[in-house]
Amino acid sequence: PRVSYYLKDGWSVSLEGRREQLTGFLRYTGAGVSTRYYFVRDRRLALFLQGGVTVGGTELSRLYRDPISGVLIGSVGGSPRPTVQANIGLGMQYRLSNRWAV
């Protein structure tokens, strides 16, 4: 989830939470801040630059083989490893109506 606050026309700051399953055995949970600057805006289309950072933990599952069925089973073990993720990118938003956009 993300909650955004518009500082001024075309610029926003957001707080966000993340929970991502990175692979079958790697999971990331964290929270952070990001900002967007909309440099092209017309009635329907908006282009923006976005950058942010999240701080959280990465958990790696341990695998073991069930002795009866022989099936590999995973379990999350230990404490999460501290992880920092940074991102920067270019985005596009298309307005469907006054209150909806993709």
PDB file of N, CA and C in Angstrom:
ATOM      1  N   PRO A   1       0.823  -1.200   0.000  1.00  0.00           N
ATOM      2  CA  PRO A   1       0.000   0.000   0.000  1.00  0.00           C
ATOM      3  C   PRO A   1       0.863   1.258   0.000  1.00  0.00           C
ATOM      4  N   ARG A   2       0.286   2.319  -0.523  1.00  0.00           N
ATOM      5  CA  ARG A   2       0.988   3.591  -0.628  1.00  0.00           C
ATOM      6  C   ARG A   2       0.024   4.729  -0.294  1.00  0.00           C
ATOM      7  N   VAL A   3       0.510   5.676   0.496  1.00  0.00           N
ATOM      8  CA  VAL A   3      -0.251   6.881   0.814  1.00  0.00           C
ATOM      9  C   VAL A   3       0.573   8.064   0.328  1.00  0.00           C
ATOM     10  N   SER A   4      -0.051   8.922  -0.500  1.00  0.00           N
ATOM     11  CA  SER A   4       0.678  10.039  -1.093  1.00  0.00           C
ATOM     12  C   SER A   4       0.138  11.374  -0.614  1.00  0.00           C
ATOM     13  N   TYR A   5       1.025  12.343  -0.542  1.00  0.00           N
ATOM     14  CA  TYR A   5       0.664  13.716  -0.207  1.00  0.00           C
ATOM     15  C   TYR A   5       1.269  14.605  -1.286  1.00  0.00           C
ATOM     16  N   TYR A   6       0.451  15.477  -1.862  1.00  0.00           N
ATOM     17  CA  TYR A   6       0.922  16.377  -2.916  1.00  0.00           C
ATOM     18  C   TYR A   6       1.447  17.659  -2.289  1.00  0.00           C
ATOM     19  N   LEU A   7       2.767  17.866  -2.415  1.00  0.00           N
ATOM     20  CA  LEU A   7       3.414  19.052  -1.856  1.00  0.00           C
ATOM     21  C   LEU A   7       3.007  20.305  -2.607  1.00  0.00           C
ATOM     22  N   LYS A   8       3.013  20.214  -3.916  1.00  0.00           N
ATOM     23  CA  LYS A   8       2.569  21.292  -4.785  1.00  0.00           C
ATOM     24  C   LYS A   8       2.174  20.660  -6.107  1.00  0.00           C
ATOM     25  N   ASP A   9       1.690  21.456  -7.010  1.00  0.00           N
ATOM     26  CA  ASP A   9       1.208  20.955  -8.291  1.00  0.00           C
ATOM     27  C   ASP A   9       2.315  20.195  -9.020  1.00  0.00           C
ATOM     28  N   GLY A  10       2.122  18.892  -9.210  1.00  0.00           N
ATOM     29  CA  GLY A  10       3.081  18.096  -9.957  1.00  0.00           C
ATOM     30  C   GLY A  10       4.139  17.396  -9.123  1.00  0.00           C
ATOM     31  N   TRP A  11       4.107  17.523  -7.787  1.00  0.00           N
ATOM     32  CA  TRP A  11       5.116  16.895  -6.964  1.00  0.00           C
ATOM     33  C   TRP A  11       4.461  16.234  -5.752  1.00  0.00           C
ATOM     34  N   SER A  12       4.762  14.941  -5.529  1.00  0.00           N
ATOM     35  CA  SER A  12       4.175  14.228  -4.392  1.00  0.00           C
ATOM     36  C   SER A  12       5.243  13.465  -3.617  1.00  0.00           C
ATOM     37  N   VAL A  13       4.937  13.203  -2.345  1.00  0.00           N
ATOM     38  CA  VAL A  13       5.763  12.385  -1.465  1.00  0.00           C
ATOM     39  C   VAL A  13       4.873  11.265  -0.950  1.00  0.00           C
ATOM     40  N   SER A  14       5.416  10.053  -0.868  1.00  0.00           N
ATOM     41  CA  SER A  14       4.610   8.901  -0.468  1.00  0.00           C
ATOM     42  C   SER A  14       5.292   8.081   0.614  1.00  0.00           C
ATOM     43  N   LEU A  15       4.473   7.475   1.473  1.00  0.00           N
ATOM     44  CA  LEU A  15       4.907   6.439   2.411  1.00  0.00           C
ATOM     45  C   LEU A  15       4.347   5.137   1.878  1.00  0.00           C
ATOM     46  N   GLU A  16       5.142   4.089   1.918  1.00  0.00           N
ATOM     47  CA  GLU A  16       4.666   2.827   1.354  1.00  0.00           C
ATOM     48  C   GLU A  16       5.145   1.638   2.170  1.00  0.00           C
ATOM     49  N   GLY A  17       4.398   0.565   2.052  1.00  0.00           N
ATOM     50  CA  GLY A  17       4.762  -0.705   2.666  1.00  0.00           C
ATOM     51  C   GLY A  17       4.895  -1.744   1.567  1.00  0.00           C
ATOM     52  N   ARG A  18       5.823  -2.678   1.733  1.00  0.00           N
ATOM     53  CA  ARG A  18       6.034  -3.712   0.714  1.00  0.00           C
ATOM     54  C   ARG A  18       6.118  -5.080   1.361  1.00  0.00           C
ATOM     55  N   ARG A  19       5.546  -6.027   0.681  1.00  0.00           N
ATOM     56  CA  ARG A  19       5.704  -7.445   1.017  1.00  0.00           C
ATOM     57  C   ARG A  19       5.794  -8.164  -0.313  1.00  0.00           C
ATOM     58  N   GLU A  20       6.980  -8.648  -0.642  1.00  0.00           N
ATOM     59  CA  GLU A  20       7.214  -9.245  -1.952  1.00  0.00           C
ATOM     60  C   GLU A  20       7.749 -10.658  -1.802  1.00  0.00           C
ATOM     61  N   GLN A  21       7.236 -11.553  -2.613  1.00  0.00           N
ATOM     62  CA  GLN A  21       7.781 -12.904  -2.731  1.00  0.00           C
ATOM     63  C   GLN A  21       8.742 -12.849  -3.907  1.00  0.00           C
ATOM     64  N   LEU A  22      10.030 -12.746  -3.647  1.00  0.00           N
ATOM     65  CA  LEU A  22      11.016 -12.527  -4.697  1.00  0.00           C
ATOM     66  C   LEU A  22      11.272 -13.789  -5.517  1.00  0.00           C
ATOM     67  N   THR A  23      11.356 -14.915  -4.867  1.00  0.00           N
ATOM     68  CA  THR A  23      11.450 -16.217  -5.532  1.00  0.00           C
ATOM     69  C   THR A  23      10.610 -17.168  -4.706  1.00  0.00           C
ATOM     70  N   GLY A  24      10.625 -18.437  -5.028  1.00  0.00           N
ATOM     71  CA  GLY A  24       9.867 -19.395  -4.236  1.00  0.00           C
ATOM     72  C   GLY A  24      10.336 -19.478  -2.796  1.00  0.00           C
ATOM     73  N   PHE A  25      11.595 -19.055  -2.519  1.00  0.00           N
ATOM     74  CA  PHE A  25      12.144 -19.224  -1.184  1.00  0.00           C
ATOM     75  C   PHE A  25      12.687 -17.938  -0.574  1.00  0.00           C
ATOM     76  N   LEU A  26      12.452 -16.801  -1.207  1.00  0.00           N
ATOM     77  CA  LEU A  26      12.982 -15.537  -0.726  1.00  0.00           C
ATOM     78  C   LEU A  26      11.857 -14.517  -0.628  1.00  0.00           C
ATOM     79  N   ARG A  27      11.706 -13.905   0.557  1.00  0.00           N
ATOM     80  CA  ARG A  27      10.607 -12.963   0.786  1.00  0.00           C
ATOM     81  C   ARG A  27      11.173 -11.679   1.392  1.00  0.00           C
ATOM     82  N   TYR A  28      10.641 -10.519   0.948  1.00  0.00           N
ATOM     83  CA  TYR A  28      11.072  -9.213   1.443  1.00  0.00           C
ATOM     84  C   TYR A  28       9.875  -8.486   2.058  1.00  0.00           C
ATOM     85  N   THR A  29      10.077  -7.905   3.239  1.00  0.00           N
ATOM     86  CA  THR A  29       9.065  -7.089   3.904  1.00  0.00           C
ATOM     87  C   THR A  29       9.738  -5.800   4.343  1.00  0.00           C
ATOM     88  N   GLY A  30       9.124  -4.641   4.008  1.00  0.00           N
ATOM     89  CA  GLY A  30       9.747  -3.376   4.377  1.00  0.00           C
ATOM     90  C   GLY A  30       8.815  -2.196   4.230  1.00  0.00           C
ATOM     91  N   ALA A  31       9.318  -1.019   4.579  1.00  0.00           N
ATOM     92  CA  ALA A  31       8.569   0.230   4.474  1.00  0.00           C
ATOM     93  C   ALA A  31       9.536   1.326   4.046  1.00  0.00           C
ATOM     94  N   GLY A  32       9.005   2.372   3.410  1.00  0.00           N
ATOM     95  CA  GLY A  32       9.894   3.427   2.960  1.00  0.00           C
ATOM     96  C   GLY A  32       9.172   4.662   2.473  1.00  0.00           C
ATOM     97  N   VAL A  33       9.936   5.527   1.833  1.00  0.00           N
ATOM     98  CA  VAL A  33       9.426   6.780   1.287  1.00  0.00           C
ATOM     99  C   VAL A  33       9.826   6.877  -0.182  1.00  0.00           C
ATOM    100  N   SER A  34       9.007   7.589  -0.938  1.00  0.00           N
ATOM    101  CA  SER A  34       9.326   7.847  -2.338  1.00  0.00           C
ATOM    102  C   SER A  34       8.755   9.194  -2.741  1.00  0.00           C
ATOM    103  N   THR A  35       9.192   9.679  -3.875  1.00  0.00           N
ATOM    104  CA  THR A  35       8.693  10.946  -4.395  1.00  0.00           C
ATOM    105  C   THR A  35       8.468  10.811  -5.895  1.00  0.00           C
ATOM    106  N   ARG A  36       7.505  11.557  -6.385  1.00  0.00           N
ATOM    107  CA  ARG A  36       7.216  11.602  -7.820  1.00  0.00           C
ATOM    108  C   ARG A  36       7.166  13.058  -8.272  1.00  0.00           C
ATOM    109  N   TYR A  37       7.726  13.274  -9.452  1.00  0.00           N
ATOM    110  CA  TYR A  37       7.623  14.586 -10.078  1.00  0.00           C
ATOM    111  C   TYR A  37       7.017  14.392 -11.463  1.00  0.00           C
ATOM    112  N   TYR A  38       5.833  14.955 -11.663  1.00  0.00           N
ATOM    113  CA  TYR A  38       5.121  14.857 -12.947  1.00  0.00           C
ATOM    114  C   TYR A  38       5.614  15.978 -13.858  1.00  0.00           C
ATOM    115  N   PHE A  39       6.362  15.598 -14.912  1.00  0.00           N
ATOM    116  CA  PHE A  39       6.928  16.619 -15.796  1.00  0.00           C
ATOM    117  C   PHE A  39       6.118  16.824 -17.067  1.00  0.00           C
ATOM    118  N   VAL A  40       5.207  15.907 -17.406  1.00  0.00           N
ATOM    119  CA  VAL A  40       4.279  16.091 -18.522  1.00  0.00           C
ATOM    120  C   VAL A  40       2.890  15.753 -17.999  1.00  0.00           C
ATOM    121  N   ARG A  41       1.968  16.700 -18.135  1.00  0.00           N
ATOM    122  CA  ARG A  41       0.588  16.452 -17.703  1.00  0.00           C
ATOM    123  C   ARG A  41      -0.364  17.105 -18.689  1.00  0.00           C
ATOM    124  N   ASP A  42      -1.279  16.318 -19.229  1.00  0.00           N
ATOM    125  CA  ASP A  42      -2.372  16.884 -20.017  1.00  0.00           C
ATOM    126  C   ASP A  42      -3.673  16.255 -19.510  1.00  0.00           C
ATOM    127  N   ARG A  43      -4.739  16.345 -20.263  1.00  0.00           N
ATOM    128  CA  ARG A  43      -6.040  15.852 -19.784  1.00  0.00           C
ATOM    129  C   ARG A  43      -6.021  14.377 -19.415  1.00  0.00           C
ATOM    130  N   ARG A  44      -5.347  13.550 -20.205  1.00  0.00           N
ATOM    131  CA  ARG A  44      -5.387  12.097 -20.006  1.00  0.00           C
ATOM    132  C   ARG A  44      -4.048  11.473 -19.617  1.00  0.00           C
ATOM    133  N   LEU A  45      -2.942  11.985 -20.132  1.00  0.00           N
ATOM    134  CA  LEU A  45      -1.645  11.342 -19.977  1.00  0.00           C
ATOM    135  C   LEU A  45      -0.730  12.140 -19.060  1.00  0.00           C
ATOM    136  N   ALA A  46      -0.011  11.439 -18.193  1.00  0.00           N
ATOM    137  CA  ALA A  46       0.989  12.068 -17.331  1.00  0.00           C
ATOM    138  C   ALA A  46       2.250  11.207 -17.344  1.00  0.00           C
ATOM    139  N   LEU A  47       3.398  11.850 -17.432  1.00  0.00           N
ATOM    140  CA  LEU A  47       4.691  11.177 -17.332  1.00  0.00           C
ATOM    141  C   LEU A  47       5.384  11.691 -16.080  1.00  0.00           C
ATOM    142  N   PHE A  48       6.054  10.804 -15.361  1.00  0.00           N
ATOM    143  CA  PHE A  48       6.684  11.221 -14.111  1.00  0.00           C
ATOM    144  C   PHE A  48       8.012  10.499 -13.885  1.00  0.00           C
ATOM    145  N   LEU A  49       8.855  11.139 -13.080  1.00  0.00           N
ATOM    146  CA  LEU A  49      10.071  10.540 -12.536  1.00  0.00           C
ATOM    147  C   LEU A  49       9.763  10.130 -11.112  1.00  0.00           C
ATOM    148  N   GLN A  50      10.246   8.973 -10.685  1.00  0.00           N
ATOM    149  CA  GLN A  50       9.993   8.507  -9.333  1.00  0.00           C
ATOM    150  C   GLN A  50      11.278   7.963  -8.740  1.00  0.00           C
ATOM    151  N   GLY A  51      11.507   8.231  -7.462  1.00  0.00           N
ATOM    152  CA  GLY A  51      12.652   7.687  -6.751  1.00  0.00           C
ATOM    153  C   GLY A  51      12.268   7.425  -5.318  1.00  0.00           C
ATOM    154  N   GLY A  52      12.899   6.431  -4.706  1.00  0.00           N
ATOM    155  CA  GLY A  52      12.571   6.131  -3.328  1.00  0.00           C
ATOM    156  C   GLY A  52      13.524   5.139  -2.705  1.00  0.00           C
ATOM    157  N   VAL A  53      13.301   4.887  -1.424  1.00  0.00           N
ATOM    158  CA  VAL A  53      14.101   3.934  -0.670  1.00  0.00           C
ATOM    159  C   VAL A  53      13.196   3.224   0.338  1.00  0.00           C
ATOM    160  N   THR A  54      13.408   1.918   0.496  1.00  0.00           N
ATOM    161  CA  THR A  54      12.690   1.144   1.515  1.00  0.00           C
ATOM    162  C   THR A  54      13.716   0.414   2.374  1.00  0.00           C
ATOM    163  N   VAL A  55      13.363   0.226   3.637  1.00  0.00           N
ATOM    164  CA  VAL A  55      14.194  -0.492   4.592  1.00  0.00           C
ATOM    165  C   VAL A  55      13.355  -1.626   5.141  1.00  0.00           C
ATOM    166  N   GLY A  56      13.934  -2.809   5.186  1.00  0.00           N
ATOM    167  CA  GLY A  56      13.170  -3.945   5.675  1.00  0.00           C
ATOM    168  C   GLY A  56      14.050  -5.141   5.933  1.00  0.00           C
ATOM    169  N   GLY A  57      13.466  -6.318   5.763  1.00  0.00           N
ATOM    170  CA  GLY A  57      14.187  -7.551   6.011  1.00  0.00           C
ATOM    171  C   GLY A  57      13.892  -8.584   4.948  1.00  0.00           C
ATOM    172  N   THR A  58      14.902  -9.386   4.620  1.00  0.00           N
ATOM    173  CA  THR A  58      14.763 -10.466   3.654  1.00  0.00           C
ATOM    174  C   THR A  58      14.845 -11.788   4.406  1.00  0.00           C
ATOM    175  N   GLU A  59      13.883 -12.657   4.163  1.00  0.00           N
ATOM    176  CA  GLU A  59      13.861 -13.967   4.802  1.00  0.00           C
ATOM    177  C   GLU A  59      14.095 -15.044   3.756  1.00  0.00           C
ATOM    178  N   LEU A  60      14.946 -15.980   4.069  1.00  0.00           N
ATOM    179  CA  LEU A  60      15.242 -17.092   3.184  1.00  0.00           C
ATOM    180  C   LEU A  60      14.676 -18.361   3.801  1.00  0.00           C
ATOM    181  N   SER A  61      13.904 -19.097   3.024  1.00  0.00           N
ATOM    182  CA  SER A  61      13.324 -20.340   3.513  1.00  0.00           C
ATOM    183  C   SER A  61      14.378 -21.434   3.554  1.00  0.00           C
ATOM    184  N   ARG A  62      14.207 -22.346   4.493  1.00  0.00           N
ATOM    185  CA  ARG A  62      15.047 -23.538   4.553  1.00  0.00           C
ATOM    186  C   ARG A  62      14.243 -24.702   3.993  1.00  0.00           C
ATOM    187  N   LEU A  63      14.899 -25.522   3.251  1.00  0.00           N
ATOM    188  CA  LEU A  63      14.229 -26.679   2.652  1.00  0.00           C
ATOM    189  C   LEU A  63      14.623 -27.965   3.367  1.00  0.00           C
ATOM    190  N   TYR A  64      13.679 -28.850   3.483  1.00  0.00           N
ATOM    191  CA  TYR A  64      13.986 -30.197   3.949  1.00  0.00           C
ATOM    192  C   TYR A  64      13.054 -31.168   3.242  1.00  0.00           C
ATOM    193  N   ARG A  65      13.473 -32.390   3.170  1.00  0.00           N
ATOM    194  CA  ARG A  65      12.689 -33.417   2.493  1.00  0.00           C
ATOM    195  C   ARG A  65      11.881 -34.188   3.530  1.00  0.00           C
ATOM    196  N   ASP A  66      10.562 -34.259   3.299  1.00  0.00           N
ATOM    197  CA  ASP A  66       9.694 -35.026   4.182  1.00  0.00           C
ATOM    198  C   ASP A  66      10.099 -36.501   4.112  1.00  0.00           C
ATOM    199  N   PRO A  67      10.382 -37.122   5.271  1.00  0.00           N
ATOM    200  CA  PRO A  67      10.883 -38.495   5.237  1.00  0.00           C
ATOM    201  C   PRO A  67       9.866 -39.525   4.734  1.00  0.00           C
ATOM    202  N   ILE A  68       8.581 -39.234   4.859  1.00  0.00           N
ATOM    203  CA  ILE A  68       7.562 -40.195   4.432  1.00  0.00           C
ATOM    204  C   ILE A  68       7.228 -40.039   2.959  1.00  0.00           C
ATOM    205  N   SER A  69       6.918 -38.802   2.534  1.00  0.00           N
ATOM    206  CA  SER A  69       6.490 -38.590   1.146  1.00  0.00           C
ATOM    207  C   SER A  69       7.650 -38.283   0.201  1.00  0.00           C
ATOM    208  N   GLY A  70       8.771 -37.827   0.722  1.00  0.00           N
ATOM    209  CA  GLY A  70       9.894 -37.462  -0.124  1.00  0.00           C
ATOM    210  C   GLY A  70       9.749 -36.092  -0.772  1.00  0.00           C
ATOM    211  N   VAL A  71       8.707 -35.353  -0.404  1.00  0.00           N
ATOM    212  CA  VAL A  71       8.442 -34.036  -0.980  1.00  0.00           C
ATOM    213  C   VAL A  71       9.299 -32.986  -0.285  1.00  0.00           C
ATOM    214  N   LEU A  72       9.842 -32.042  -1.079  1.00  0.00           N
ATOM    215  CA  LEU A  72      10.589 -30.927  -0.498  1.00  0.00           C
ATOM    216  C   LEU A  72       9.622 -29.974   0.179  1.00  0.00           C
ATOM    217  N   ILE A  73       9.932 -29.579   1.417  1.00  0.00           N
ATOM    218  CA  ILE A  73       9.072 -28.681   2.183  1.00  0.00           C
ATOM    219  C   ILE A  73       9.935 -27.514   2.642  1.00  0.00           C
ATOM    220  N   GLY A  74       9.400 -26.306   2.549  1.00  0.00           N
ATOM    221  CA  GLY A  74      10.133 -25.122   2.964  1.00  0.00           C
ATOM    222  C   GLY A  74       9.561 -24.543   4.242  1.00  0.00           C
ATOM    223  N   SER A  75      10.430 -23.978   5.060  1.00  0.00           N
ATOM    224  CA  SER A  75       9.983 -23.277   6.254  1.00  0.00           C
ATOM    225  C   SER A  75      10.872 -22.061   6.438  1.00  0.00           C
ATOM    226  N   VAL A  76      10.276 -20.951   6.848  1.00  0.00           N
ATOM    227  CA  VAL A  76      11.039 -19.728   7.075  1.00  0.00           C
ATOM    228  C   VAL A  76      11.733 -19.863   8.417  1.00  0.00           C
ATOM    229  N   GLY A  77      13.024 -19.649   8.418  1.00  0.00           N
ATOM    230  CA  GLY A  77      13.765 -19.808   9.658  1.00  0.00           C
ATOM    231  C   GLY A  77      14.642 -18.619   9.948  1.00  0.00           C
ATOM    232  N   GLY A  78      14.938 -18.430  11.201  1.00  0.00           N
ATOM    233  CA  GLY A  78      15.837 -17.358  11.599  1.00  0.00           C
ATOM    234  C   GLY A  78      15.190 -15.989  11.504  1.00  0.00           C
ATOM    235  N   SER A  79      15.969 -14.978  11.840  1.00  0.00           N
ATOM    236  CA  SER A  79      15.455 -13.614  11.763  1.00  0.00           C
ATOM    237  C   SER A  79      15.778 -13.035  10.391  1.00  0.00           C
ATOM    238  N   PRO A  80      14.960 -12.086   9.921  1.00  0.00           N
ATOM    239  CA  PRO A  80      15.200 -11.479   8.598  1.00  0.00           C
ATOM    240  C   PRO A  80      16.534 -10.736   8.563  1.00  0.00           C
ATOM    241  N   ARG A  81      17.190 -10.780   7.418  1.00  0.00           N
ATOM    242  CA  ARG A  81      18.431 -10.019   7.219  1.00  0.00           C
ATOM    243  C   ARG A  81      18.057  -8.594   6.854  1.00  0.00           C
ATOM    244  N   PRO A  82      18.671  -7.592   7.485  1.00  0.00           N
ATOM    245  CA  PRO A  82      18.371  -6.199   7.154  1.00  0.00           C
ATOM    246  C   PRO A  82      18.679  -5.928   5.676  1.00  0.00           C
ATOM    247  N   THR A  83      17.746  -5.273   5.003  1.00  0.00           N
ATOM    248  CA  THR A  83      17.888  -5.012   3.575  1.00  0.00           C
ATOM    249  C   THR A  83      17.424  -3.594   3.267  1.00  0.00           C
ATOM    250  N   VAL A  84      18.154  -2.900   2.392  1.00  0.00           N
ATOM    251  CA  VAL A  84      17.760  -1.579   1.902  1.00  0.00           C
ATOM    252  C   VAL A  84      17.585  -1.691   0.394  1.00  0.00           C
ATOM    253  N   GLN A  85      16.446  -1.207  -0.115  1.00  0.00           N
ATOM    254  CA  GLN A  85      16.198  -1.181  -1.551  1.00  0.00           C
ATOM    255  C   GLN A  85      16.040   0.271  -1.986  1.00  0.00           C
ATOM    256  N   ALA A  86      16.720   0.649  -3.049  1.00  0.00           N
ATOM    257  CA  ALA A  86      16.573   1.987  -3.626  1.00  0.00           C
ATOM    258  C   ALA A  86      16.082   1.834  -5.055  1.00  0.00           C
ATOM    259  N   ASN A  87      15.264   2.782  -5.487  1.00  0.00           N
ATOM    260  CA  ASN A  87      14.760   2.715  -6.863  1.00  0.00           C
ATOM    261  C   ASN A  87      14.643   4.099  -7.461  1.00  0.00           C
ATOM    262  N   ILE A  88      14.783   4.135  -8.772  1.00  0.00           N
ATOM    263  CA  ILE A  88      14.555   5.352  -9.529  1.00  0.00           C
ATOM    264  C   ILE A  88      14.012   4.910 -10.887  1.00  0.00           C
ATOM    265  N   GLY A  89      13.077   5.665 -11.406  1.00  0.00           N
ATOM    266  CA  GLY A  89      12.505   5.240 -12.678  1.00  0.00           C
ATOM    267  C   GLY A  89      11.618   6.291 -13.312  1.00  0.00           C
ATOM    268  N   LEU A  90      11.138   5.936 -14.472  1.00  0.00           N
ATOM    269  CA  LEU A  90      10.261   6.763 -15.270  1.00  0.00           C
ATOM    270  C   LEU A  90       8.917   6.054 -15.339  1.00  0.00           C
ATOM    271  N   GLY A  91       7.829   6.796 -15.196  1.00  0.00           N
ATOM    272  CA  GLY A  91       6.508   6.173 -15.219  1.00  0.00           C
ATOM    273  C   GLY A  91       5.513   6.942 -16.056  1.00  0.00           C
ATOM    274  N   MET A  92       4.389   6.282 -16.334  1.00  0.00           N
ATOM    275  CA  MET A  92       3.324   6.880 -17.131  1.00  0.00           C
ATOM    276  C   MET A  92       1.998   6.575 -16.452  1.00  0.00           C
ATOM    277  N   GLN A  93       1.086   7.512 -16.512  1.00  0.00           N
ATOM    278  CA  GLN A  93      -0.247   7.359 -15.933  1.00  0.00           C
ATOM    279  C   GLN A  93      -1.272   7.832 -16.955  1.00  0.00           C
ATOM    280  N   TYR A  94      -2.306   7.014 -17.165  1.00  0.00           N
ATOM    281  CA  TYR A  94      -3.369   7.376 -18.099  1.00  0.00           C
ATOM    282  C   TYR A  94      -4.661   7.535 -17.316  1.00  0.00           C
ATOM    283  N   ARG A  95      -5.299   8.688 -17.437  1.00  0.00           N
ATOM    284  CA  ARG A  95      -6.517   8.983 -16.686  1.00  0.00           C
ATOM    285  C   ARG A  95      -7.736   8.452 -17.428  1.00  0.00           C
ATOM    286  N   LEU A  96      -8.486   7.568 -16.755  1.00  0.00           N
ATOM    287  CA  LEU A  96      -9.710   7.008 -17.316  1.00  0.00           C
ATOM    288  C   LEU A  96     -10.908   7.930 -17.072  1.00  0.00           C
ATOM    289  N   SER A  97     -10.943   8.570 -15.906  1.00  0.00           N
ATOM    290  CA  SER A  97     -11.998   9.518 -15.546  1.00  0.00           C
ATOM    291  C   SER A  97     -11.416  10.491 -14.514  1.00  0.00           C
ATOM    292  N   ASN A  98     -12.259  11.319 -13.917  1.00  0.00           N
ATOM    293  CA  ASN A  98     -11.770  12.272 -12.930  1.00  0.00           C
ATOM    294  C   ASN A  98     -11.139  11.607 -11.715  1.00  0.00           C
ATOM    295  N   ARG A  99     -11.593  10.407 -11.366  1.00  0.00           N
ATOM    296  CA  ARG A  99     -11.126   9.754 -10.141  1.00  0.00           C
ATOM    297  C   ARG A  99     -10.363   8.445 -10.382  1.00  0.00           C
ATOM    298  N   TRP A 100     -10.225   7.990 -11.621  1.00  0.00           N
ATOM    299  CA  TRP A 100      -9.573   6.724 -11.895  1.00  0.00           C
ATOM    300  C   TRP A 100      -8.463   6.897 -12.936  1.00  0.00           C
ATOM    301  N   ALA A 101      -7.332   6.204 -12.672  1.00  0.00           N
ATOM    302  CA  ALA A 101      -6.207   6.232 -13.608  1.00  0.00           C
ATOM    303  C   ALA A 101      -5.466   4.902 -13.550  1.00  0.00           C
ATOM    304  N   VAL A 102      -4.774   4.581 -14.636  1.00  0.00           N
ATOM    305  CA  VAL A 102      -3.906   3.401 -14.685  1.00  0.00           C
ATOM    306  C   VAL A 102      -2.512   3.818 -15.065  1.00  0.00           C
TER     307      VAL A 102
END
